[in-house]
């Protein structure tokens, strides 16, 4: 099936998860609206923004979901995680605790999101706040962990607008690959089940 034959943009669901205060809302707003504010407001529940882009010849609408990073609202992520095409794990490079928490966030996503093939589901890891000098998490440590879980690593600064676009574009590419893979699988199953009755009935289609 040629995806280019589908009318309208393909909608991809991108989930941002990580501890509260790491800058998930900031990186999302910087990428979508090209804005940043120093006034911190914790996300209550969930929030999302959309952006339509072109990826490898396909028009894609990204639905980017920002989830609350506190235990109080963590249960809200359960239904939200389902149907995601890519997950972005966000941490603060000046907070070792936020980096250490990523493994738990990832495991929770795989349990609650129930992706079709957990071993092949795409994760993007973003280290935010590289503009700050009191860094606690090295790029070497981050990349080493990402290699272990087969995730791709990026770092940047929402405040200074440094390398924020790159992880989202990669998330879109990986998400599009997931979309096409599962769409083709579902289409193949459909064709197999429909083809058998047509052959046995021997009906004439006029």
N, C-alpha and C. Protein backbone atom coordinates (compact mmCIF):
# COMPACT_ATOMS: atom_id res chain seq x y z
N UNK A 1 0.84 -1.20 0.00
CA UNK A 1 0.00 0.00 0.00
C UNK A 1 0.88 1.25 0.00
N UNK A 2 0.63 2.18 -0.89
CA UNK A 2 1.40 3.41 -0.98
C UNK A 2 0.76 4.45 -0.08
N UNK A 3 1.49 4.90 0.95
CA UNK A 3 0.93 5.85 1.89
C UNK A 3 0.63 7.20 1.24
N UNK A 4 1.29 7.49 0.12
CA UNK A 4 1.06 8.76 -0.54
C UNK A 4 -0.32 8.84 -1.16
N UNK A 5 -0.99 7.66 -1.31
CA UNK A 5 -2.33 7.65 -1.88
C UNK A 5 -3.38 8.08 -0.86
N UNK A 6 -3.03 8.11 0.43
CA UNK A 6 -3.98 8.48 1.46
C UNK A 6 -4.22 9.98 1.41
N UNK A 7 -5.49 10.39 1.53
CA UNK A 7 -5.83 11.79 1.48
C UNK A 7 -5.60 12.43 2.85
N UNK A 8 -5.08 13.67 2.83
CA UNK A 8 -4.87 14.37 4.08
C UNK A 8 -3.60 13.92 4.78
N UNK A 9 -3.20 14.69 5.79
CA UNK A 9 -1.97 14.36 6.51
C UNK A 9 -2.12 13.13 7.39
N UNK A 10 -1.02 12.47 7.63
CA UNK A 10 -0.96 11.35 8.57
C UNK A 10 -0.82 11.94 9.97
N UNK A 11 -1.60 11.46 10.91
CA UNK A 11 -1.52 11.96 12.28
C UNK A 11 -0.67 11.03 13.12
N UNK A 12 0.36 11.59 13.74
CA UNK A 12 1.26 10.83 14.59
C UNK A 12 1.16 11.34 16.03
N UNK A 13 1.11 10.42 16.95
CA UNK A 13 1.01 10.76 18.37
C UNK A 13 2.38 10.62 19.03
N UNK A 14 2.91 11.75 19.52
CA UNK A 14 4.21 11.78 20.18
C UNK A 14 3.99 12.12 21.65
N UNK A 15 4.47 11.27 22.55
CA UNK A 15 4.29 11.47 23.98
C UNK A 15 5.58 11.96 24.63
N UNK A 16 5.49 13.03 25.42
CA UNK A 16 6.62 13.53 26.19
C UNK A 16 6.43 13.13 27.65
N UNK A 17 7.40 12.40 28.22
CA UNK A 17 7.30 12.03 29.63
C UNK A 17 8.63 12.26 30.33
N UNK A 18 8.55 12.41 31.64
CA UNK A 18 9.73 12.69 32.46
C UNK A 18 9.30 13.41 33.72
N UNK A 19 10.23 13.61 34.63
CA UNK A 19 9.92 14.26 35.90
C UNK A 19 9.37 15.67 35.72
N UNK A 20 8.65 16.12 36.72
CA UNK A 20 8.16 17.49 36.73
C UNK A 20 9.33 18.47 36.80
N UNK A 21 9.25 19.54 36.01
CA UNK A 21 10.27 20.58 36.06
C UNK A 21 11.43 20.41 35.11
N UNK A 22 11.43 19.34 34.30
CA UNK A 22 12.56 19.13 33.38
C UNK A 22 12.43 19.97 32.11
N UNK A 23 11.23 20.53 31.88
CA UNK A 23 11.06 21.40 30.71
C UNK A 23 10.30 20.79 29.56
N UNK A 24 9.43 19.83 29.84
CA UNK A 24 8.66 19.19 28.75
C UNK A 24 7.78 20.21 28.03
N UNK A 25 7.06 21.02 28.81
CA UNK A 25 6.19 22.05 28.21
C UNK A 25 7.02 23.07 27.44
N UNK A 26 8.19 23.40 27.97
CA UNK A 26 9.05 24.40 27.34
C UNK A 26 9.57 23.94 25.99
N UNK A 27 10.03 22.69 25.91
CA UNK A 27 10.56 22.21 24.63
C UNK A 27 9.42 22.06 23.61
N UNK A 28 8.24 21.66 24.08
CA UNK A 28 7.10 21.53 23.18
C UNK A 28 6.69 22.90 22.64
N UNK A 29 6.59 23.91 23.51
CA UNK A 29 6.21 25.25 23.08
C UNK A 29 7.28 25.89 22.21
N UNK A 30 8.54 25.62 22.52
CA UNK A 30 9.62 26.18 21.70
C UNK A 30 9.56 25.60 20.29
N UNK A 31 9.32 24.30 20.18
CA UNK A 31 9.28 23.66 18.87
C UNK A 31 8.04 24.08 18.07
N UNK A 32 6.88 24.08 18.70
CA UNK A 32 5.63 24.35 17.98
C UNK A 32 5.39 25.84 17.79
N UNK A 33 5.53 26.62 18.85
CA UNK A 33 5.17 28.04 18.81
C UNK A 33 6.36 28.99 18.78
N UNK A 34 7.57 28.44 18.87
CA UNK A 34 8.80 29.25 18.88
C UNK A 34 8.79 30.27 20.01
N UNK A 35 8.27 29.83 21.16
CA UNK A 35 8.19 30.72 22.33
C UNK A 35 8.79 30.05 23.56
N UNK A 36 9.23 30.90 24.51
CA UNK A 36 9.73 30.39 25.79
C UNK A 36 9.37 31.39 26.87
N UNK A 37 8.98 30.89 28.04
CA UNK A 37 8.71 31.75 29.18
C UNK A 37 9.47 31.25 30.40
N UNK A 38 9.96 32.20 31.20
CA UNK A 38 10.67 31.85 32.44
C UNK A 38 9.71 31.56 33.58
N UNK A 39 8.42 31.83 33.37
CA UNK A 39 7.43 31.59 34.41
C UNK A 39 7.04 30.12 34.40
N UNK A 40 7.47 29.40 35.42
CA UNK A 40 7.21 27.96 35.50
C UNK A 40 5.78 27.69 35.94
N UNK A 41 5.10 26.83 35.20
CA UNK A 41 3.76 26.39 35.57
C UNK A 41 3.69 24.89 35.33
N UNK A 42 3.55 24.13 36.42
CA UNK A 42 3.51 22.68 36.30
C UNK A 42 2.29 22.25 35.50
N UNK A 43 2.48 21.28 34.60
CA UNK A 43 1.36 20.74 33.84
C UNK A 43 0.43 19.97 34.77
N UNK A 44 -0.86 20.30 34.70
CA UNK A 44 -1.87 19.61 35.49
C UNK A 44 -2.60 18.65 34.56
N UNK A 45 -2.39 17.36 34.77
CA UNK A 45 -3.00 16.37 33.87
C UNK A 45 -2.19 16.25 32.60
N UNK A 46 -2.77 16.70 31.48
CA UNK A 46 -2.08 16.62 30.20
C UNK A 46 -2.32 17.88 29.38
N UNK A 47 -1.49 18.10 28.40
CA UNK A 47 -1.64 19.21 27.47
C UNK A 47 -1.07 18.74 26.14
N UNK A 48 -1.58 19.30 25.03
CA UNK A 48 -0.98 18.91 23.75
C UNK A 48 -1.06 20.04 22.74
N UNK A 49 -0.12 20.02 21.81
CA UNK A 49 -0.07 20.96 20.71
C UNK A 49 0.11 20.17 19.42
N UNK A 50 -0.31 20.77 18.30
CA UNK A 50 -0.19 20.10 17.00
C UNK A 50 0.69 20.93 16.07
N UNK A 51 1.39 20.23 15.20
CA UNK A 51 2.20 20.89 14.19
C UNK A 51 2.26 20.01 12.96
N UNK A 52 1.99 20.59 11.79
CA UNK A 52 2.02 19.85 10.54
C UNK A 52 3.34 20.12 9.81
N UNK A 53 4.02 19.05 9.45
CA UNK A 53 5.32 19.16 8.79
C UNK A 53 5.38 18.16 7.63
N UNK A 54 6.44 18.25 6.85
CA UNK A 54 6.67 17.29 5.77
C UNK A 54 7.87 16.42 6.13
N UNK A 55 7.66 15.11 6.10
CA UNK A 55 8.72 14.15 6.42
C UNK A 55 8.85 13.14 5.29
N UNK A 56 9.98 13.14 4.62
CA UNK A 56 10.26 12.16 3.57
C UNK A 56 9.14 12.09 2.53
N UNK A 57 8.60 13.25 2.16
CA UNK A 57 7.56 13.31 1.14
C UNK A 57 6.15 13.14 1.65
N UNK A 58 5.97 12.84 2.93
CA UNK A 58 4.64 12.69 3.52
C UNK A 58 4.30 13.91 4.36
N UNK A 59 3.05 14.35 4.26
CA UNK A 59 2.56 15.42 5.13
C UNK A 59 2.08 14.79 6.43
N UNK A 60 2.65 15.24 7.53
CA UNK A 60 2.41 14.61 8.83
C UNK A 60 1.97 15.66 9.85
N UNK A 61 0.90 15.37 10.57
CA UNK A 61 0.48 16.22 11.68
C UNK A 61 0.92 15.56 12.98
N UNK A 62 1.78 16.24 13.70
CA UNK A 62 2.25 15.73 14.98
C UNK A 62 1.32 16.19 16.08
N UNK A 63 0.78 15.25 16.83
CA UNK A 63 0.06 15.56 18.05
C UNK A 63 1.04 15.30 19.19
N UNK A 64 1.56 16.37 19.77
CA UNK A 64 2.59 16.25 20.80
C UNK A 64 1.94 16.42 22.17
N UNK A 65 2.00 15.36 22.96
CA UNK A 65 1.34 15.34 24.26
C UNK A 65 2.37 15.53 25.37
N UNK A 66 2.09 16.51 26.22
CA UNK A 66 2.92 16.80 27.39
C UNK A 66 2.19 16.26 28.61
N UNK A 67 2.80 15.33 29.31
CA UNK A 67 2.15 14.69 30.46
C UNK A 67 2.72 15.22 31.77
N UNK A 68 1.88 15.23 32.80
CA UNK A 68 2.32 15.67 34.12
C UNK A 68 3.40 14.74 34.64
N UNK A 69 4.42 15.31 35.27
CA UNK A 69 5.53 14.50 35.75
C UNK A 69 5.50 14.23 37.24
N UNK A 70 4.31 14.34 37.86
CA UNK A 70 4.19 14.08 39.28
C UNK A 70 3.39 12.81 39.52
N UNK A 71 3.64 12.14 40.63
CA UNK A 71 2.95 10.89 40.95
C UNK A 71 1.45 11.10 41.05
N UNK A 72 1.04 12.28 41.48
CA UNK A 72 -0.39 12.57 41.66
C UNK A 72 -1.16 12.39 40.37
N UNK A 73 -0.55 12.77 39.24
CA UNK A 73 -1.23 12.69 37.95
C UNK A 73 -0.69 11.59 37.05
N UNK A 74 0.21 10.77 37.57
CA UNK A 74 0.86 9.75 36.73
C UNK A 74 -0.14 8.76 36.15
N UNK A 75 -1.22 8.45 36.90
CA UNK A 75 -2.21 7.48 36.43
C UNK A 75 -2.95 7.98 35.20
N UNK A 76 -2.97 9.31 34.98
CA UNK A 76 -3.66 9.86 33.81
C UNK A 76 -2.96 9.46 32.52
N UNK A 77 -1.68 9.10 32.63
CA UNK A 77 -0.93 8.74 31.43
C UNK A 77 -1.32 7.40 30.87
N UNK A 78 -1.97 6.57 31.69
CA UNK A 78 -2.29 5.21 31.27
C UNK A 78 -3.05 5.16 29.95
N UNK A 79 -4.24 5.80 29.84
CA UNK A 79 -4.95 5.76 28.55
C UNK A 79 -4.27 6.61 27.48
N UNK A 80 -3.56 7.64 27.92
CA UNK A 80 -2.90 8.54 26.97
C UNK A 80 -1.77 7.87 26.22
N UNK A 81 -1.05 6.98 26.88
CA UNK A 81 0.10 6.32 26.26
C UNK A 81 -0.30 5.42 25.10
N UNK A 82 -1.50 4.88 25.14
CA UNK A 82 -1.93 3.92 24.12
C UNK A 82 -2.08 4.61 22.76
N UNK A 83 -1.61 3.95 21.74
CA UNK A 83 -1.72 4.49 20.39
C UNK A 83 -0.59 5.44 20.02
N UNK A 84 0.39 5.60 20.90
CA UNK A 84 1.52 6.49 20.59
C UNK A 84 2.40 5.87 19.52
N UNK A 85 2.98 6.72 18.68
CA UNK A 85 3.89 6.27 17.63
C UNK A 85 5.36 6.45 18.01
N UNK A 86 5.61 7.32 19.00
CA UNK A 86 6.96 7.53 19.49
C UNK A 86 6.87 8.17 20.87
N UNK A 87 7.85 7.89 21.71
CA UNK A 87 7.88 8.45 23.06
C UNK A 87 9.20 9.20 23.27
N UNK A 88 9.08 10.44 23.74
CA UNK A 88 10.27 11.23 24.03
C UNK A 88 10.45 11.32 25.55
N UNK A 89 11.56 10.79 26.03
CA UNK A 89 11.91 10.85 27.45
C UNK A 89 12.75 12.09 27.69
N UNK A 90 12.26 13.00 28.53
CA UNK A 90 12.93 14.28 28.74
C UNK A 90 13.50 14.36 30.16
N UNK A 91 14.74 14.82 30.27
CA UNK A 91 15.33 15.04 31.59
C UNK A 91 16.11 16.35 31.60
N UNK A 92 16.48 16.78 32.79
CA UNK A 92 17.23 18.01 33.00
C UNK A 92 18.69 17.64 33.24
N UNK A 93 19.60 18.14 32.40
CA UNK A 93 21.01 17.75 32.52
C UNK A 93 21.64 18.24 33.82
N UNK A 94 20.96 19.16 34.53
CA UNK A 94 21.47 19.64 35.82
C UNK A 94 20.86 18.86 36.99
N UNK A 95 20.10 17.82 36.69
CA UNK A 95 19.46 17.02 37.73
C UNK A 95 19.70 15.53 37.49
N UNK A 96 20.59 14.96 38.29
CA UNK A 96 20.88 13.52 38.17
C UNK A 96 19.62 12.70 38.47
N UNK A 97 18.80 13.19 39.40
CA UNK A 97 17.58 12.47 39.77
C UNK A 97 16.62 12.35 38.60
N UNK A 98 16.51 13.40 37.79
CA UNK A 98 15.58 13.36 36.65
C UNK A 98 16.07 12.37 35.59
N UNK A 99 17.39 12.23 35.48
CA UNK A 99 17.95 11.26 34.54
C UNK A 99 17.75 9.84 35.05
N UNK A 100 17.99 9.63 36.33
CA UNK A 100 17.83 8.31 36.93
C UNK A 100 16.39 7.82 36.85
N UNK A 101 15.45 8.76 36.84
CA UNK A 101 14.03 8.40 36.80
C UNK A 101 13.57 7.93 35.43
N UNK A 102 14.36 8.18 34.39
CA UNK A 102 13.92 7.85 33.03
C UNK A 102 13.64 6.37 32.83
N UNK A 103 14.44 5.52 33.46
CA UNK A 103 14.23 4.09 33.28
C UNK A 103 12.86 3.68 33.79
N UNK A 104 12.45 4.26 34.92
CA UNK A 104 11.12 3.96 35.46
C UNK A 104 10.02 4.49 34.56
N UNK A 105 10.20 5.69 34.02
CA UNK A 105 9.21 6.25 33.10
C UNK A 105 9.08 5.38 31.85
N UNK A 106 10.21 4.93 31.34
CA UNK A 106 10.20 4.09 30.13
C UNK A 106 9.46 2.78 30.38
N UNK A 107 9.77 2.13 31.50
CA UNK A 107 9.12 0.86 31.82
C UNK A 107 7.62 1.05 32.02
N UNK A 108 7.25 2.15 32.68
CA UNK A 108 5.82 2.43 32.90
C UNK A 108 5.11 2.63 31.57
N UNK A 109 5.77 3.33 30.64
CA UNK A 109 5.17 3.54 29.32
C UNK A 109 4.94 2.21 28.61
N UNK A 110 5.93 1.33 28.63
CA UNK A 110 5.80 0.05 27.94
C UNK A 110 4.70 -0.82 28.55
N UNK A 111 4.53 -0.72 29.87
CA UNK A 111 3.48 -1.50 30.53
C UNK A 111 2.10 -0.94 30.21
N UNK A 112 1.94 0.36 30.38
CA UNK A 112 0.63 0.99 30.21
C UNK A 112 0.29 1.27 28.75
N UNK A 113 1.30 1.58 27.94
CA UNK A 113 1.04 1.90 26.53
C UNK A 113 0.78 0.68 25.68
N UNK A 114 1.29 -0.47 26.11
CA UNK A 114 1.09 -1.73 25.40
C UNK A 114 1.39 -1.64 23.90
N UNK A 115 2.59 -1.16 23.52
CA UNK A 115 2.92 -1.11 22.09
C UNK A 115 2.94 -2.51 21.49
N UNK A 116 2.63 -2.59 20.20
CA UNK A 116 2.52 -3.87 19.52
C UNK A 116 3.81 -4.68 19.61
N UNK A 117 4.94 -4.01 19.43
CA UNK A 117 6.25 -4.67 19.51
C UNK A 117 7.14 -3.84 20.43
N UNK A 118 7.12 -4.11 21.74
CA UNK A 118 7.89 -3.30 22.69
C UNK A 118 9.38 -3.22 22.36
N UNK A 119 9.95 -4.28 21.84
CA UNK A 119 11.39 -4.30 21.55
C UNK A 119 11.75 -3.39 20.38
N UNK A 120 10.75 -3.03 19.56
CA UNK A 120 11.00 -2.21 18.38
C UNK A 120 10.40 -0.81 18.50
N UNK A 121 9.78 -0.51 19.65
CA UNK A 121 9.13 0.80 19.79
C UNK A 121 10.18 1.90 19.92
N UNK A 122 10.01 3.02 19.19
CA UNK A 122 11.03 4.07 19.19
C UNK A 122 10.96 5.01 20.40
N UNK A 123 12.09 5.15 21.07
CA UNK A 123 12.24 6.12 22.15
C UNK A 123 13.29 7.14 21.74
N UNK A 124 12.99 8.42 21.99
CA UNK A 124 13.94 9.50 21.82
C UNK A 124 14.22 10.06 23.20
N UNK A 125 15.49 10.26 23.54
CA UNK A 125 15.85 10.83 24.84
C UNK A 125 16.40 12.24 24.62
N UNK A 126 15.85 13.20 25.37
CA UNK A 126 16.27 14.60 25.23
C UNK A 126 16.76 15.13 26.58
N UNK A 127 18.02 15.55 26.61
CA UNK A 127 18.57 16.22 27.78
C UNK A 127 18.39 17.72 27.61
N UNK A 128 17.56 18.33 28.44
CA UNK A 128 17.24 19.76 28.32
C UNK A 128 18.10 20.59 29.30
N UNK A 129 18.10 21.90 29.07
CA UNK A 129 18.77 22.90 29.92
C UNK A 129 20.29 22.86 29.82
N UNK A 130 20.80 22.63 28.62
CA UNK A 130 22.26 22.63 28.43
C UNK A 130 22.85 24.03 28.54
N UNK A 131 22.00 25.06 28.62
CA UNK A 131 22.49 26.42 28.78
C UNK A 131 22.99 26.69 30.20
N UNK A 132 22.61 25.82 31.15
CA UNK A 132 23.01 26.01 32.55
C UNK A 132 24.39 25.41 32.81
N UNK A 133 25.13 26.02 33.72
CA UNK A 133 26.52 25.61 33.97
C UNK A 133 26.66 24.49 35.00
N UNK A 134 25.65 24.31 35.86
CA UNK A 134 25.76 23.31 36.93
C UNK A 134 25.28 21.94 36.48
N UNK A 135 25.89 21.44 35.45
CA UNK A 135 25.50 20.17 34.86
C UNK A 135 25.88 19.00 35.77
N UNK A 136 24.95 18.04 35.91
CA UNK A 136 25.18 16.85 36.73
C UNK A 136 25.23 15.56 35.91
N UNK A 137 24.71 15.60 34.69
CA UNK A 137 24.64 14.40 33.85
C UNK A 137 25.48 14.63 32.60
N UNK A 138 26.50 13.84 32.41
CA UNK A 138 27.37 14.01 31.24
C UNK A 138 26.73 13.43 29.99
N UNK A 139 27.15 13.95 28.85
CA UNK A 139 26.67 13.41 27.59
C UNK A 139 27.10 11.96 27.41
N UNK A 140 28.27 11.63 27.92
CA UNK A 140 28.78 10.26 27.80
C UNK A 140 27.89 9.27 28.54
N UNK A 141 27.49 9.63 29.78
CA UNK A 141 26.62 8.77 30.57
C UNK A 141 25.26 8.61 29.89
N UNK A 142 24.74 9.70 29.37
CA UNK A 142 23.43 9.68 28.71
C UNK A 142 23.46 8.78 27.48
N UNK A 143 24.49 8.93 26.67
CA UNK A 143 24.59 8.12 25.45
C UNK A 143 24.79 6.64 25.76
N UNK A 144 25.53 6.36 26.82
CA UNK A 144 25.75 4.97 27.21
C UNK A 144 24.43 4.30 27.57
N UNK A 145 23.60 4.99 28.35
CA UNK A 145 22.30 4.43 28.73
C UNK A 145 21.40 4.27 27.50
N UNK A 146 21.44 5.25 26.61
CA UNK A 146 20.62 5.18 25.40
C UNK A 146 21.02 3.99 24.52
N UNK A 147 22.30 3.71 24.47
CA UNK A 147 22.75 2.55 23.70
C UNK A 147 22.20 1.26 24.30
N UNK A 148 22.14 1.21 25.63
CA UNK A 148 21.64 0.01 26.31
C UNK A 148 20.17 -0.25 26.01
N UNK A 149 19.39 0.82 25.90
CA UNK A 149 17.94 0.65 25.65
C UNK A 149 17.58 0.87 24.18
N UNK A 150 18.59 1.07 23.35
CA UNK A 150 18.39 1.26 21.90
C UNK A 150 17.53 2.49 21.61
N UNK A 151 17.86 3.58 22.29
CA UNK A 151 17.18 4.86 22.06
C UNK A 151 18.16 5.83 21.43
N UNK A 152 17.64 6.88 20.82
CA UNK A 152 18.48 7.91 20.23
C UNK A 152 18.56 9.11 21.17
N UNK A 153 19.75 9.66 21.32
CA UNK A 153 19.97 10.73 22.30
C UNK A 153 20.21 12.09 21.64
N UNK A 154 19.54 13.10 22.21
CA UNK A 154 19.73 14.49 21.80
C UNK A 154 19.82 15.34 23.06
N UNK A 155 20.44 16.49 22.96
CA UNK A 155 20.41 17.44 24.06
C UNK A 155 20.37 18.85 23.51
N UNK A 156 19.79 19.75 24.30
CA UNK A 156 19.64 21.12 23.85
C UNK A 156 19.07 21.99 24.95
N UNK A 157 18.62 23.18 24.55
CA UNK A 157 18.08 24.14 25.51
C UNK A 157 16.84 24.80 24.93
N UNK A 158 15.71 24.61 25.60
CA UNK A 158 14.48 25.27 25.17
C UNK A 158 14.60 26.78 25.37
N UNK A 159 15.25 27.18 26.44
CA UNK A 159 15.40 28.60 26.74
C UNK A 159 16.18 29.34 25.67
N UNK A 160 17.30 28.76 25.25
CA UNK A 160 18.17 29.41 24.27
C UNK A 160 17.87 28.97 22.84
N UNK A 161 16.87 28.13 22.67
CA UNK A 161 16.49 27.61 21.34
C UNK A 161 17.67 26.90 20.67
N UNK A 162 18.31 26.02 21.44
CA UNK A 162 19.45 25.26 20.93
C UNK A 162 19.04 23.81 20.67
N UNK A 163 19.08 23.42 19.41
CA UNK A 163 18.88 22.02 19.01
C UNK A 163 17.59 21.40 19.55
N UNK A 164 16.52 22.18 19.61
CA UNK A 164 15.23 21.65 20.06
C UNK A 164 14.48 20.97 18.91
N UNK A 165 14.69 21.46 17.70
CA UNK A 165 13.96 20.92 16.55
C UNK A 165 14.40 19.51 16.19
N UNK A 166 15.68 19.23 16.31
CA UNK A 166 16.24 17.94 15.87
C UNK A 166 15.55 16.72 16.50
N UNK A 167 15.38 16.67 17.83
CA UNK A 167 14.73 15.49 18.41
C UNK A 167 13.29 15.30 17.96
N UNK A 168 12.57 16.40 17.72
CA UNK A 168 11.19 16.28 17.27
C UNK A 168 11.11 15.77 15.83
N UNK A 169 12.03 16.24 14.99
CA UNK A 169 12.06 15.75 13.61
C UNK A 169 12.40 14.26 13.58
N UNK A 170 13.32 13.86 14.44
CA UNK A 170 13.67 12.43 14.49
C UNK A 170 12.52 11.61 15.05
N UNK A 171 11.82 12.16 16.04
CA UNK A 171 10.65 11.47 16.59
C UNK A 171 9.58 11.31 15.51
N UNK A 172 9.44 12.33 14.67
CA UNK A 172 8.47 12.25 13.57
C UNK A 172 8.87 11.17 12.57
N UNK A 173 10.15 11.11 12.23
CA UNK A 173 10.63 10.08 11.30
C UNK A 173 10.42 8.68 11.85
N UNK A 174 10.80 8.47 13.11
CA UNK A 174 10.64 7.16 13.72
C UNK A 174 9.17 6.81 13.90
N UNK A 175 8.37 7.80 14.26
CA UNK A 175 6.94 7.57 14.41
C UNK A 175 6.28 7.23 13.09
N UNK A 176 6.72 7.88 12.02
CA UNK A 176 6.17 7.59 10.69
C UNK A 176 6.52 6.17 10.27
N UNK A 177 7.72 5.73 10.60
CA UNK A 177 8.11 4.35 10.30
C UNK A 177 7.20 3.36 11.02
N UNK A 178 6.88 3.66 12.28
CA UNK A 178 5.97 2.81 13.05
C UNK A 178 4.59 2.79 12.41
N UNK A 179 4.11 3.97 12.03
CA UNK A 179 2.79 4.09 11.42
C UNK A 179 2.69 3.26 10.15
N UNK A 180 3.68 3.39 9.28
CA UNK A 180 3.65 2.66 8.02
C UNK A 180 3.79 1.16 8.23
N UNK A 181 4.63 0.79 9.16
CA UNK A 181 4.84 -0.63 9.45
C UNK A 181 3.54 -1.29 9.90
N UNK A 182 2.86 -0.69 10.85
CA UNK A 182 1.65 -1.30 11.39
C UNK A 182 0.46 -1.17 10.44
N UNK A 183 0.44 -0.09 9.63
CA UNK A 183 -0.62 0.05 8.64
C UNK A 183 -0.51 -1.04 7.58
N UNK A 184 0.71 -1.32 7.15
CA UNK A 184 0.93 -2.37 6.16
C UNK A 184 0.58 -3.74 6.74
N UNK A 185 0.92 -3.96 8.00
CA UNK A 185 0.59 -5.23 8.64
C UNK A 185 -0.91 -5.43 8.71
N UNK A 186 -1.63 -4.37 9.11
CA UNK A 186 -3.08 -4.46 9.21
C UNK A 186 -3.73 -4.63 7.85
N UNK A 187 -3.18 -3.95 6.83
CA UNK A 187 -3.71 -4.07 5.47
C UNK A 187 -3.52 -5.48 4.95
N UNK A 188 -2.37 -6.07 5.24
CA UNK A 188 -2.09 -7.44 4.80
C UNK A 188 -3.06 -8.42 5.41
N UNK A 189 -3.37 -8.26 6.68
CA UNK A 189 -4.32 -9.15 7.35
C UNK A 189 -5.70 -9.02 6.73
N UNK A 190 -6.06 -7.77 6.40
CA UNK A 190 -7.38 -7.53 5.83
C UNK A 190 -7.51 -8.19 4.45
N UNK A 191 -6.49 -8.09 3.65
CA UNK A 191 -6.54 -8.66 2.31
C UNK A 191 -6.64 -10.18 2.35
N UNK A 192 -6.00 -10.80 3.30
CA UNK A 192 -6.03 -12.26 3.42
C UNK A 192 -7.43 -12.74 3.77
N UNK A 193 -8.09 -12.06 4.72
CA UNK A 193 -9.41 -12.51 5.16
C UNK A 193 -10.48 -12.24 4.11
N UNK A 194 -10.29 -11.22 3.30
CA UNK A 194 -11.31 -10.89 2.30
C UNK A 194 -11.16 -11.70 1.02
N UNK A 195 -9.98 -12.14 0.74
CA UNK A 195 -9.73 -12.80 -0.53
C UNK A 195 -10.36 -14.19 -0.58
N UNK A 196 -10.38 -14.91 0.54
CA UNK A 196 -10.89 -16.28 0.56
C UNK A 196 -12.37 -16.38 0.18
N UNK A 197 -13.29 -15.58 0.78
CA UNK A 197 -14.70 -15.68 0.40
C UNK A 197 -14.95 -15.36 -1.07
N UNK A 198 -14.19 -14.41 -1.64
CA UNK A 198 -14.38 -14.04 -3.04
C UNK A 198 -14.08 -15.22 -3.95
N UNK A 199 -13.11 -16.05 -3.59
CA UNK A 199 -12.73 -17.18 -4.43
C UNK A 199 -13.74 -18.33 -4.32
N UNK A 200 -14.31 -18.54 -3.13
CA UNK A 200 -15.19 -19.70 -2.93
C UNK A 200 -16.60 -19.44 -3.45
N UNK A 201 -17.06 -18.16 -3.42
CA UNK A 201 -18.43 -17.89 -3.86
C UNK A 201 -18.55 -17.91 -5.38
N UNK A 202 -17.46 -17.58 -6.06
CA UNK A 202 -17.46 -17.55 -7.52
C UNK A 202 -18.56 -16.64 -8.06
N UNK A 203 -18.74 -15.47 -7.44
CA UNK A 203 -19.78 -14.54 -7.87
C UNK A 203 -19.27 -13.65 -8.99
N UNK A 204 -20.20 -13.07 -9.72
CA UNK A 204 -19.85 -12.19 -10.83
C UNK A 204 -20.00 -10.75 -10.37
N UNK A 205 -18.96 -9.96 -10.51
CA UNK A 205 -19.02 -8.55 -10.13
C UNK A 205 -19.20 -7.72 -11.40
N UNK A 206 -20.33 -7.11 -11.52
CA UNK A 206 -20.65 -6.34 -12.73
C UNK A 206 -20.51 -4.85 -12.46
